[in-house]
Amino acid sequence: SIVTVTAVLGPRRQPARQPAGPRLDAAPSVLGLGSLGVRGLAEQVRRAPAAKRAQALLDLLTTHLAPDGFRATVREVETTLRLGRGDCTDLALATVAVARASGLPARLVSGWVVEESGLVGPERFHDWAEVHDGQRWRVVDVHARRLDGDAVLLATHLDSVTTDQPGGTRFTGLTGELEVSMLTAGGTAPASGGRP
């Protein structure tokens, strides 16, 4: 049976204090910030006016990279750039690498694309990048070809991509810090954390 729940997600407790400003560090072995491919694309993004760099990043990467089917392993960014294609994780990591190399703070985000019906499922699990434009975090989703956009994205995990090898524990769960408040039936229940 299908149960429909109308809920509001909000902080359950005061989150831990975050360091001032977005982090810019990254692991060279995964992102390849010093590689010629990443540096060349980053230079093109830097040429755009500061207020338009997120759009310039999306435009540039959508001309160089094509969406590909799901892969179970993560590629290095240089490989993704050389092949010119990748799954949502590959393209999000490429976005993070080029953004950071151009001076824009960026992070990898995982979660779900919420259907119009409000349902989410395993086939809707998705990775995308968020880039800080100096004012706010913006969704830069090269796989779906969107900057912010009208899709409803439910972020459950953030990855600052600071480890040498992305793995099963790379993501910081957000759902463990959320509480679901039932609007139609009343009551609250903690959301479950962890990556599906």
N, C-alpha and C. Protein backbone atom coordinates (compact mmCIF):
# COMPACT_ATOMS: atom_id res chain seq x y z
N SER A 1 0.83 -1.18 0.00
CA SER A 1 0.00 0.00 0.00
C SER A 1 0.88 1.25 0.00
N ILE A 2 0.34 2.33 -0.46
CA ILE A 2 1.05 3.61 -0.52
C ILE A 2 0.45 4.53 0.53
N VAL A 3 1.30 5.11 1.34
CA VAL A 3 0.87 6.07 2.35
C VAL A 3 1.39 7.44 1.93
N THR A 4 0.51 8.41 1.84
CA THR A 4 0.91 9.77 1.51
C THR A 4 1.03 10.56 2.79
N VAL A 5 2.15 11.23 2.97
CA VAL A 5 2.40 12.02 4.17
C VAL A 5 2.65 13.46 3.76
N THR A 6 1.94 14.37 4.37
CA THR A 6 2.22 15.79 4.19
C THR A 6 3.01 16.23 5.41
N ALA A 7 4.20 16.78 5.20
CA ALA A 7 5.08 17.07 6.34
C ALA A 7 5.90 18.32 6.09
N VAL A 8 6.41 18.85 7.17
CA VAL A 8 7.36 19.95 7.12
C VAL A 8 8.66 19.44 7.72
N LEU A 9 9.77 19.66 7.02
CA LEU A 9 11.07 19.27 7.54
C LEU A 9 11.73 20.49 8.13
N GLY A 10 12.27 20.35 9.33
CA GLY A 10 12.96 21.46 9.97
C GLY A 10 13.99 20.95 10.94
N PRO A 11 14.86 21.83 11.45
CA PRO A 11 15.89 21.39 12.39
C PRO A 11 15.29 20.82 13.66
N ARG A 12 15.81 19.68 14.11
CA ARG A 12 15.34 19.06 15.35
C ARG A 12 16.03 19.69 16.54
N ARG A 13 17.32 19.97 16.40
CA ARG A 13 18.07 20.62 17.46
C ARG A 13 19.05 21.59 16.83
N GLN A 14 19.62 22.42 17.64
CA GLN A 14 20.55 23.42 17.14
C GLN A 14 21.73 22.72 16.46
N PRO A 15 21.96 22.96 15.14
CA PRO A 15 23.08 22.30 14.47
C PRO A 15 24.41 22.82 15.00
N ALA A 16 25.45 21.99 14.85
CA ALA A 16 26.79 22.40 15.28
C ALA A 16 27.22 23.64 14.50
N ARG A 17 27.95 24.51 15.17
CA ARG A 17 28.41 25.75 14.54
C ARG A 17 29.35 25.43 13.40
N GLN A 18 29.07 26.01 12.24
CA GLN A 18 29.88 25.80 11.05
C GLN A 18 31.01 26.83 10.99
N PRO A 19 32.17 26.47 10.40
CA PRO A 19 33.22 27.46 10.26
C PRO A 19 32.77 28.59 9.36
N ALA A 20 33.31 29.79 9.58
CA ALA A 20 32.92 30.96 8.78
C ALA A 20 33.30 30.74 7.33
N GLY A 21 32.36 30.98 6.44
CA GLY A 21 32.61 30.92 5.01
C GLY A 21 32.70 29.49 4.50
N PRO A 22 32.36 29.29 3.23
CA PRO A 22 32.45 27.97 2.62
C PRO A 22 33.90 27.52 2.47
N ARG A 23 34.13 26.21 2.55
CA ARG A 23 35.49 25.68 2.40
C ARG A 23 35.84 25.55 0.94
N LEU A 24 37.12 25.76 0.63
CA LEU A 24 37.60 25.66 -0.74
C LEU A 24 38.55 24.50 -0.95
N ASP A 25 38.94 23.77 0.12
CA ASP A 25 39.94 22.72 -0.04
C ASP A 25 39.34 21.51 -0.74
N ALA A 26 40.20 20.72 -1.34
CA ALA A 26 39.74 19.53 -2.04
C ALA A 26 40.90 18.59 -2.25
N ALA A 27 40.60 17.35 -2.47
CA ALA A 27 41.63 16.35 -2.70
C ALA A 27 42.05 16.34 -4.16
N PRO A 28 43.34 16.53 -4.43
CA PRO A 28 43.81 16.54 -5.81
C PRO A 28 43.55 15.23 -6.54
N SER A 29 43.61 14.08 -5.84
CA SER A 29 43.47 12.80 -6.53
C SER A 29 42.05 12.56 -7.04
N VAL A 30 41.06 13.19 -6.45
CA VAL A 30 39.68 13.00 -6.88
C VAL A 30 39.27 14.12 -7.84
N LEU A 31 39.50 15.35 -7.45
CA LEU A 31 39.04 16.49 -8.23
C LEU A 31 40.03 16.93 -9.30
N GLY A 32 41.31 16.70 -9.09
CA GLY A 32 42.29 17.09 -10.10
C GLY A 32 42.35 18.58 -10.34
N LEU A 33 42.34 19.37 -9.27
CA LEU A 33 42.31 20.83 -9.42
C LEU A 33 43.50 21.36 -10.20
N GLY A 34 44.62 20.66 -10.16
CA GLY A 34 45.80 21.13 -10.89
C GLY A 34 45.90 20.62 -12.31
N SER A 35 44.97 19.78 -12.73
CA SER A 35 45.05 19.21 -14.07
C SER A 35 44.78 20.27 -15.13
N LEU A 36 45.34 20.06 -16.31
CA LEU A 36 45.17 21.02 -17.40
C LEU A 36 43.71 21.18 -17.80
N GLY A 37 42.97 20.06 -17.83
CA GLY A 37 41.56 20.14 -18.21
C GLY A 37 40.74 21.00 -17.26
N VAL A 38 40.92 20.78 -15.96
CA VAL A 38 40.18 21.54 -14.96
C VAL A 38 40.62 23.00 -14.99
N ARG A 39 41.93 23.25 -15.04
CA ARG A 39 42.43 24.63 -15.04
C ARG A 39 41.98 25.40 -16.28
N GLY A 40 41.97 24.74 -17.43
CA GLY A 40 41.52 25.41 -18.66
C GLY A 40 40.07 25.83 -18.61
N LEU A 41 39.21 24.94 -18.12
CA LEU A 41 37.79 25.28 -17.99
C LEU A 41 37.58 26.36 -16.93
N ALA A 42 38.33 26.25 -15.82
CA ALA A 42 38.20 27.24 -14.74
C ALA A 42 38.57 28.63 -15.23
N GLU A 43 39.58 28.72 -16.07
CA GLU A 43 39.99 30.03 -16.59
C GLU A 43 38.85 30.66 -17.40
N GLN A 44 38.11 29.87 -18.13
CA GLN A 44 36.98 30.40 -18.90
C GLN A 44 35.87 30.89 -17.97
N VAL A 45 35.64 30.18 -16.88
CA VAL A 45 34.63 30.62 -15.91
C VAL A 45 35.05 31.93 -15.25
N ARG A 46 36.34 32.05 -14.92
CA ARG A 46 36.85 33.28 -14.28
C ARG A 46 36.66 34.51 -15.15
N ARG A 47 36.60 34.35 -16.46
CA ARG A 47 36.43 35.49 -17.37
C ARG A 47 35.03 36.10 -17.30
N ALA A 48 34.07 35.34 -16.80
CA ALA A 48 32.69 35.85 -16.69
C ALA A 48 32.61 36.84 -15.53
N PRO A 49 31.70 37.81 -15.61
CA PRO A 49 31.49 38.71 -14.47
C PRO A 49 31.13 37.89 -13.23
N ALA A 50 31.55 38.34 -12.06
CA ALA A 50 31.36 37.58 -10.82
C ALA A 50 29.92 37.15 -10.60
N ALA A 51 28.97 38.02 -10.90
CA ALA A 51 27.56 37.72 -10.67
C ALA A 51 27.02 36.66 -11.63
N LYS A 52 27.75 36.37 -12.71
CA LYS A 52 27.27 35.42 -13.72
C LYS A 52 28.12 34.16 -13.81
N ARG A 53 29.01 33.96 -12.84
CA ARG A 53 29.92 32.81 -12.93
C ARG A 53 29.20 31.47 -12.76
N ALA A 54 28.18 31.41 -11.94
CA ALA A 54 27.45 30.14 -11.78
C ALA A 54 26.80 29.75 -13.11
N GLN A 55 26.19 30.71 -13.79
CA GLN A 55 25.59 30.43 -15.10
C GLN A 55 26.66 30.08 -16.13
N ALA A 56 27.78 30.80 -16.10
CA ALA A 56 28.88 30.52 -17.03
C ALA A 56 29.42 29.11 -16.81
N LEU A 57 29.51 28.69 -15.55
CA LEU A 57 29.96 27.34 -15.21
C LEU A 57 29.03 26.30 -15.81
N LEU A 58 27.73 26.48 -15.61
CA LEU A 58 26.75 25.54 -16.16
C LEU A 58 26.83 25.51 -17.69
N ASP A 59 26.83 26.69 -18.31
CA ASP A 59 26.87 26.76 -19.78
C ASP A 59 28.10 26.06 -20.34
N LEU A 60 29.25 26.31 -19.73
CA LEU A 60 30.50 25.73 -20.20
C LEU A 60 30.50 24.21 -20.06
N LEU A 61 30.10 23.72 -18.88
CA LEU A 61 30.15 22.28 -18.66
C LEU A 61 29.09 21.52 -19.46
N THR A 62 27.94 22.13 -19.72
CA THR A 62 26.93 21.43 -20.54
C THR A 62 27.36 21.33 -21.99
N THR A 63 28.27 22.20 -22.44
CA THR A 63 28.79 22.07 -23.80
C THR A 63 29.91 21.04 -23.88
N HIS A 64 30.57 20.75 -22.76
CA HIS A 64 31.69 19.81 -22.75
C HIS A 64 31.34 18.42 -22.23
N LEU A 65 30.23 18.29 -21.48
CA LEU A 65 29.90 17.02 -20.83
C LEU A 65 28.48 16.59 -21.13
N ALA A 66 28.30 15.31 -21.37
CA ALA A 66 26.97 14.74 -21.63
C ALA A 66 26.58 13.80 -20.50
N PRO A 67 25.29 13.77 -20.14
CA PRO A 67 24.82 12.82 -19.13
C PRO A 67 24.94 11.39 -19.65
N ASP A 68 25.30 10.48 -18.77
CA ASP A 68 25.45 9.07 -19.10
C ASP A 68 24.71 8.28 -18.05
N GLY A 69 24.54 6.99 -18.26
CA GLY A 69 23.83 6.14 -17.31
C GLY A 69 24.56 6.01 -15.98
N PHE A 70 23.87 5.41 -15.01
CA PHE A 70 24.41 5.23 -13.66
C PHE A 70 25.63 4.32 -13.68
N ARG A 71 26.64 4.70 -12.89
CA ARG A 71 27.84 3.88 -12.69
C ARG A 71 28.00 3.63 -11.19
N ALA A 72 28.46 2.47 -10.83
CA ALA A 72 28.59 2.13 -9.41
C ALA A 72 29.87 2.69 -8.79
N THR A 73 30.82 3.09 -9.60
CA THR A 73 32.08 3.62 -9.06
C THR A 73 32.25 5.08 -9.47
N VAL A 74 33.05 5.80 -8.70
CA VAL A 74 33.27 7.22 -8.96
C VAL A 74 34.51 7.38 -9.83
N ARG A 75 34.40 8.18 -10.87
CA ARG A 75 35.53 8.48 -11.74
C ARG A 75 36.29 9.69 -11.22
N GLU A 76 37.57 9.75 -11.54
CA GLU A 76 38.32 10.97 -11.31
C GLU A 76 37.82 12.01 -12.31
N VAL A 77 37.85 13.26 -11.93
CA VAL A 77 37.31 14.33 -12.77
C VAL A 77 38.03 14.39 -14.11
N GLU A 78 39.33 14.23 -14.11
CA GLU A 78 40.09 14.29 -15.37
C GLU A 78 39.59 13.24 -16.36
N THR A 79 39.23 12.06 -15.87
CA THR A 79 38.69 11.00 -16.74
C THR A 79 37.33 11.42 -17.30
N THR A 80 36.48 11.98 -16.45
CA THR A 80 35.17 12.45 -16.91
C THR A 80 35.34 13.51 -17.99
N LEU A 81 36.26 14.45 -17.79
CA LEU A 81 36.48 15.51 -18.79
C LEU A 81 37.02 14.92 -20.09
N ARG A 82 37.92 13.95 -20.00
CA ARG A 82 38.49 13.33 -21.20
C ARG A 82 37.42 12.57 -21.99
N LEU A 83 36.55 11.84 -21.27
CA LEU A 83 35.49 11.08 -21.93
C LEU A 83 34.35 11.97 -22.43
N GLY A 84 34.16 13.12 -21.76
CA GLY A 84 33.09 14.03 -22.14
C GLY A 84 31.71 13.58 -21.71
N ARG A 85 31.65 12.69 -20.73
CA ARG A 85 30.36 12.20 -20.25
C ARG A 85 30.53 11.60 -18.86
N GLY A 86 29.38 11.40 -18.19
CA GLY A 86 29.41 10.77 -16.88
C GLY A 86 28.02 10.72 -16.28
N ASP A 87 27.91 9.96 -15.19
CA ASP A 87 26.62 9.92 -14.49
C ASP A 87 26.51 11.16 -13.62
N CYS A 88 25.45 11.24 -12.84
CA CYS A 88 25.21 12.47 -12.07
C CYS A 88 26.34 12.76 -11.07
N THR A 89 26.92 11.72 -10.47
CA THR A 89 28.02 11.93 -9.54
C THR A 89 29.26 12.44 -10.26
N ASP A 90 29.59 11.83 -11.39
CA ASP A 90 30.75 12.27 -12.17
C ASP A 90 30.62 13.73 -12.58
N LEU A 91 29.45 14.11 -13.07
CA LEU A 91 29.25 15.48 -13.54
C LEU A 91 29.22 16.47 -12.38
N ALA A 92 28.68 16.05 -11.24
CA ALA A 92 28.68 16.92 -10.06
C ALA A 92 30.10 17.14 -9.55
N LEU A 93 30.92 16.08 -9.53
CA LEU A 93 32.31 16.23 -9.11
C LEU A 93 33.08 17.13 -10.07
N ALA A 94 32.82 17.00 -11.36
CA ALA A 94 33.48 17.88 -12.34
C ALA A 94 33.07 19.32 -12.10
N THR A 95 31.82 19.55 -11.77
CA THR A 95 31.34 20.90 -11.48
C THR A 95 32.05 21.46 -10.25
N VAL A 96 32.16 20.65 -9.20
CA VAL A 96 32.86 21.08 -7.99
C VAL A 96 34.31 21.44 -8.31
N ALA A 97 34.98 20.60 -9.08
CA ALA A 97 36.39 20.83 -9.40
C ALA A 97 36.59 22.12 -10.18
N VAL A 98 35.82 22.32 -11.24
CA VAL A 98 35.98 23.51 -12.07
C VAL A 98 35.58 24.76 -11.28
N ALA A 99 34.52 24.66 -10.49
CA ALA A 99 34.11 25.81 -9.68
C ALA A 99 35.21 26.21 -8.71
N ARG A 100 35.75 25.24 -7.98
CA ARG A 100 36.80 25.56 -7.01
C ARG A 100 38.05 26.09 -7.68
N ALA A 101 38.43 25.51 -8.80
CA ALA A 101 39.62 25.98 -9.51
C ALA A 101 39.42 27.40 -10.03
N SER A 102 38.18 27.81 -10.23
CA SER A 102 37.89 29.18 -10.70
C SER A 102 37.69 30.14 -9.53
N GLY A 103 37.76 29.63 -8.28
CA GLY A 103 37.63 30.47 -7.10
C GLY A 103 36.26 30.47 -6.46
N LEU A 104 35.34 29.66 -6.97
CA LEU A 104 33.99 29.58 -6.39
C LEU A 104 33.92 28.42 -5.40
N PRO A 105 33.48 28.66 -4.17
CA PRO A 105 33.27 27.55 -3.23
C PRO A 105 32.20 26.61 -3.80
N ALA A 106 32.41 25.31 -3.63
CA ALA A 106 31.47 24.34 -4.19
C ALA A 106 31.46 23.09 -3.32
N ARG A 107 30.33 22.36 -3.39
CA ARG A 107 30.19 21.12 -2.64
C ARG A 107 29.31 20.16 -3.43
N LEU A 108 29.47 18.88 -3.13
CA LEU A 108 28.66 17.82 -3.72
C LEU A 108 27.46 17.58 -2.81
N VAL A 109 26.28 17.43 -3.40
CA VAL A 109 25.05 17.21 -2.64
C VAL A 109 24.36 15.96 -3.19
N SER A 110 23.80 15.17 -2.29
CA SER A 110 23.03 13.99 -2.68
C SER A 110 21.64 14.08 -2.07
N GLY A 111 20.70 13.48 -2.74
CA GLY A 111 19.33 13.47 -2.26
C GLY A 111 18.41 12.94 -3.33
N TRP A 112 17.21 13.47 -3.37
CA TRP A 112 16.21 13.01 -4.32
C TRP A 112 15.64 14.16 -5.13
N VAL A 113 15.27 13.83 -6.36
CA VAL A 113 14.45 14.72 -7.16
C VAL A 113 13.02 14.31 -6.83
N VAL A 114 12.24 15.24 -6.29
CA VAL A 114 10.87 14.93 -5.87
C VAL A 114 9.93 15.06 -7.06
N GLU A 115 9.17 14.02 -7.31
CA GLU A 115 8.22 14.03 -8.43
C GLU A 115 7.07 14.98 -8.14
N GLU A 116 6.35 15.35 -9.18
CA GLU A 116 5.19 16.25 -9.01
C GLU A 116 4.18 15.68 -8.02
N SER A 117 4.11 14.36 -7.95
CA SER A 117 3.17 13.72 -7.02
C SER A 117 3.63 13.85 -5.57
N GLY A 118 4.89 14.27 -5.37
CA GLY A 118 5.44 14.37 -4.03
C GLY A 118 6.16 13.10 -3.59
N LEU A 119 6.20 12.09 -4.46
CA LEU A 119 6.84 10.83 -4.11
C LEU A 119 8.32 10.85 -4.46
N VAL A 120 9.10 10.11 -3.70
CA VAL A 120 10.51 9.89 -4.03
C VAL A 120 10.75 8.39 -3.99
N GLY A 121 11.73 7.95 -4.74
CA GLY A 121 12.05 6.54 -4.76
C GLY A 121 13.49 6.35 -5.18
N PRO A 122 14.01 5.12 -5.11
CA PRO A 122 15.42 4.87 -5.41
C PRO A 122 15.83 5.37 -6.80
N GLU A 123 14.93 5.27 -7.76
CA GLU A 123 15.27 5.71 -9.12
C GLU A 123 15.38 7.23 -9.23
N ARG A 124 14.94 7.93 -8.22
CA ARG A 124 15.00 9.40 -8.22
C ARG A 124 16.18 9.93 -7.40
N PHE A 125 17.02 9.00 -6.85
CA PHE A 125 18.20 9.44 -6.10
C PHE A 125 19.15 10.13 -7.06
N HIS A 126 19.77 11.23 -6.61
CA HIS A 126 20.53 12.06 -7.54
C HIS A 126 21.65 12.80 -6.80
N ASP A 127 22.74 13.05 -7.49
CA ASP A 127 23.82 13.90 -6.99
C ASP A 127 23.88 15.15 -7.85
N TRP A 128 24.16 16.28 -7.23
CA TRP A 128 24.32 17.54 -7.95
C TRP A 128 25.36 18.38 -7.21
N ALA A 129 25.74 19.48 -7.79
CA ALA A 129 26.69 20.39 -7.15
C ALA A 129 25.96 21.64 -6.69
N GLU A 130 26.48 22.23 -5.63
CA GLU A 130 26.05 23.56 -5.21
C GLU A 130 27.27 24.45 -5.21
N VAL A 131 27.10 25.65 -5.75
CA VAL A 131 28.17 26.62 -5.88
C VAL A 131 27.75 27.88 -5.15
N HIS A 132 28.65 28.45 -4.35
CA HIS A 132 28.34 29.67 -3.62
C HIS A 132 28.74 30.86 -4.49
N ASP A 133 27.77 31.71 -4.80
CA ASP A 133 28.03 32.85 -5.70
C ASP A 133 28.41 34.13 -4.96
N GLY A 134 28.71 34.02 -3.68
CA GLY A 134 29.04 35.20 -2.87
C GLY A 134 27.86 35.67 -2.05
N GLN A 135 26.66 35.25 -2.43
CA GLN A 135 25.43 35.61 -1.73
C GLN A 135 24.74 34.39 -1.14
N ARG A 136 24.70 33.30 -1.92
CA ARG A 136 23.97 32.11 -1.49
C ARG A 136 24.47 30.89 -2.26
N TRP A 137 24.08 29.71 -1.78
CA TRP A 137 24.38 28.47 -2.48
C TRP A 137 23.39 28.32 -3.64
N ARG A 138 23.91 27.99 -4.82
CA ARG A 138 23.10 27.79 -6.03
C ARG A 138 23.25 26.36 -6.51
N VAL A 139 22.17 25.77 -6.97
CA VAL A 139 22.22 24.44 -7.57
C VAL A 139 22.78 24.57 -8.98
N VAL A 140 23.86 23.86 -9.26
CA VAL A 140 24.41 23.78 -10.61
C VAL A 140 24.41 22.29 -10.96
N ASP A 141 23.39 21.88 -11.69
CA ASP A 141 23.17 20.46 -12.01
C ASP A 141 23.43 20.24 -13.49
N VAL A 142 24.67 19.89 -13.82
CA VAL A 142 25.05 19.68 -15.22
C VAL A 142 24.32 18.48 -15.80
N HIS A 143 24.11 17.44 -15.01
CA HIS A 143 23.42 16.24 -15.50
C HIS A 143 22.01 16.57 -15.96
N ALA A 144 21.29 17.39 -15.21
CA ALA A 144 19.91 17.76 -15.56
C ALA A 144 19.85 19.08 -16.34
N ARG A 145 21.00 19.70 -16.57
CA ARG A 145 21.09 20.95 -17.33
C ARG A 145 20.29 22.06 -16.67
N ARG A 146 20.50 22.27 -15.36
CA ARG A 146 19.72 23.31 -14.68
C ARG A 146 20.57 24.09 -13.68
N LEU A 147 20.28 25.36 -13.59
CA LEU A 147 20.81 26.25 -12.56
C LEU A 147 19.61 26.62 -11.71
N ASP A 148 19.63 26.21 -10.47
CA ASP A 148 18.47 26.36 -9.58
C ASP A 148 17.29 25.65 -10.23
N GLY A 149 16.45 26.32 -10.95
CA GLY A 149 15.39 25.67 -11.70
C GLY A 149 14.15 25.41 -10.89
N ASP A 150 13.19 24.73 -11.52
CA ASP A 150 11.89 24.51 -10.89
C ASP A 150 11.75 23.11 -10.30
N ALA A 151 12.77 22.27 -10.41
CA ALA A 151 12.69 20.94 -9.82
C ALA A 151 12.79 21.05 -8.30
N VAL A 152 12.07 20.18 -7.61
CA VAL A 152 12.17 20.13 -6.16
C VAL A 152 13.23 19.09 -5.81
N LEU A 153 14.31 19.56 -5.19
CA LEU A 153 15.40 18.68 -4.79
C LEU A 153 15.40 18.58 -3.27
N LEU A 154 15.43 17.36 -2.77
CA LEU A 154 15.47 17.13 -1.33
C LEU A 154 16.88 16.65 -0.98
N ALA A 155 17.71 17.56 -0.47
CA ALA A 155 19.08 17.23 -0.11
C ALA A 155 19.11 16.45 1.18
N THR A 156 19.81 15.33 1.18
CA THR A 156 19.94 14.52 2.39
C THR A 156 21.38 14.42 2.86
N HIS A 157 22.35 14.65 1.97
CA HIS A 157 23.76 14.50 2.32
C HIS A 157 24.60 15.57 1.61
N LEU A 158 25.61 16.07 2.33
CA LEU A 158 26.58 17.01 1.77
C LEU A 158 27.95 16.38 1.80
N ASP A 159 28.78 16.68 0.82
CA ASP A 159 30.15 16.18 0.78
C ASP A 159 31.05 17.34 0.41
N SER A 160 31.96 17.69 1.31
CA SER A 160 32.89 18.78 1.01
C SER A 160 34.05 18.30 0.13
N VAL A 161 34.10 17.01 -0.18
CA VAL A 161 35.10 16.39 -1.04
C VAL A 161 36.51 16.80 -0.58
N THR A 162 36.83 16.43 0.64
CA THR A 162 38.15 16.74 1.18
C THR A 162 38.98 15.49 1.43
N THR A 163 38.44 14.31 1.16
CA THR A 163 39.20 13.08 1.34
C THR A 163 39.83 12.66 0.03
N ASP A 164 40.86 11.83 0.11
CA ASP A 164 41.54 11.39 -1.10
C ASP A 164 40.67 10.49 -1.97
N GLN A 165 39.92 9.62 -1.35
CA GLN A 165 39.10 8.67 -2.11
C GLN A 165 37.66 8.75 -1.65
N PRO A 166 36.73 9.17 -2.52
CA PRO A 166 35.33 9.16 -2.11
C PRO A 166 34.90 7.73 -1.80
N GLY A 167 34.14 7.56 -0.76
CA GLY A 167 33.70 6.22 -0.38
C GLY A 167 32.35 6.28 0.29
N GLY A 168 31.96 5.17 0.90
CA GLY A 168 30.64 5.09 1.51
C GLY A 168 30.42 6.05 2.66
N THR A 169 31.49 6.54 3.29
CA THR A 169 31.31 7.42 4.44
C THR A 169 31.62 8.87 4.11
N ARG A 170 31.70 9.22 2.85
CA ARG A 170 32.11 10.58 2.50
C ARG A 170 31.03 11.60 2.79
N PHE A 171 29.79 11.20 2.85
CA PHE A 171 28.71 12.16 2.99
C PHE A 171 28.37 12.44 4.45
N THR A 172 28.08 13.69 4.73
CA THR A 172 27.55 14.08 6.03
C THR A 172 26.03 14.05 5.92
N GLY A 173 25.40 13.22 6.70
CA GLY A 173 23.95 13.10 6.62
C GLY A 173 23.24 14.33 7.17
N LEU A 174 22.26 14.80 6.46
CA LEU A 174 21.44 15.91 6.93
C LEU A 174 20.18 15.41 7.62
N THR A 175 19.69 14.24 7.20
CA THR A 175 18.41 13.76 7.72
C THR A 175 18.48 13.42 9.19
N GLY A 176 19.65 13.12 9.73
CA GLY A 176 19.77 12.83 11.15
C GLY A 176 19.52 14.06 12.00
N GLU A 177 19.54 15.22 11.40
CA GLU A 177 19.32 16.48 12.11
C GLU A 177 17.94 17.06 11.81
N LEU A 178 17.08 16.28 11.17
CA LEU A 178 15.77 16.79 10.79
C LEU A 178 14.67 16.10 11.58
N GLU A 179 13.58 16.79 11.69
CA GLU A 179 12.40 16.23 12.32
C GLU A 179 11.25 16.40 11.35
N VAL A 180 10.43 15.38 11.21
CA VAL A 180 9.27 15.46 10.34
C VAL A 180 8.06 15.81 11.20
N SER A 181 7.39 16.90 10.89
CA SER A 181 6.17 17.29 11.60
C SER A 181 4.98 16.99 10.71
N MET A 182 4.11 16.12 11.17
CA MET A 182 2.95 15.72 10.38
C MET A 182 1.92 16.84 10.40
N LEU A 183 1.48 17.26 9.23
CA LEU A 183 0.52 18.35 9.14
C LEU A 183 -0.92 17.83 9.14
N THR A 184 -1.12 16.64 8.60
CA THR A 184 -2.49 16.15 8.48
C THR A 184 -2.90 15.26 9.65
N ALA A 185 -1.94 14.50 10.22
CA ALA A 185 -2.29 13.58 11.28
C ALA A 185 -1.77 14.02 12.65
N GLY A 186 -0.92 15.02 12.70
CA GLY A 186 -0.36 15.48 13.97
C GLY A 186 0.79 14.60 14.43
N GLY A 187 1.55 15.07 15.41
CA GLY A 187 2.67 14.30 15.96
C GLY A 187 3.95 14.54 15.20
N THR A 188 5.07 14.06 15.75
CA THR A 188 6.35 14.19 15.09
C THR A 188 7.11 12.89 15.19
N ALA A 189 8.04 12.72 14.28
CA ALA A 189 8.90 11.54 14.29
C ALA A 189 10.24 11.92 13.69
N PRO A 190 11.36 11.44 14.25
CA PRO A 190 12.65 11.78 13.66
C PRO A 190 12.81 11.12 12.30
N ALA A 191 13.45 11.84 11.39
CA ALA A 191 13.73 11.29 10.07
C ALA A 191 14.91 10.33 10.21
N SER A 192 14.96 9.32 9.34
CA SER A 192 16.06 8.37 9.42
C SER A 192 17.24 8.91 8.65
N GLY A 193 18.44 8.75 9.17
CA GLY A 193 19.67 9.22 8.51
C GLY A 193 20.30 8.10 7.71
N GLY A 194 21.37 8.44 7.05
CA GLY A 194 22.13 7.44 6.28
C GLY A 194 21.75 7.43 4.84
N ARG A 195 22.72 7.02 4.02
CA ARG A 195 22.52 6.98 2.58
C ARG A 195 21.84 5.67 2.21
N PRO A 196 20.82 5.72 1.32
CA PRO A 196 20.11 4.49 0.96
C PRO A 196 21.01 3.52 0.23
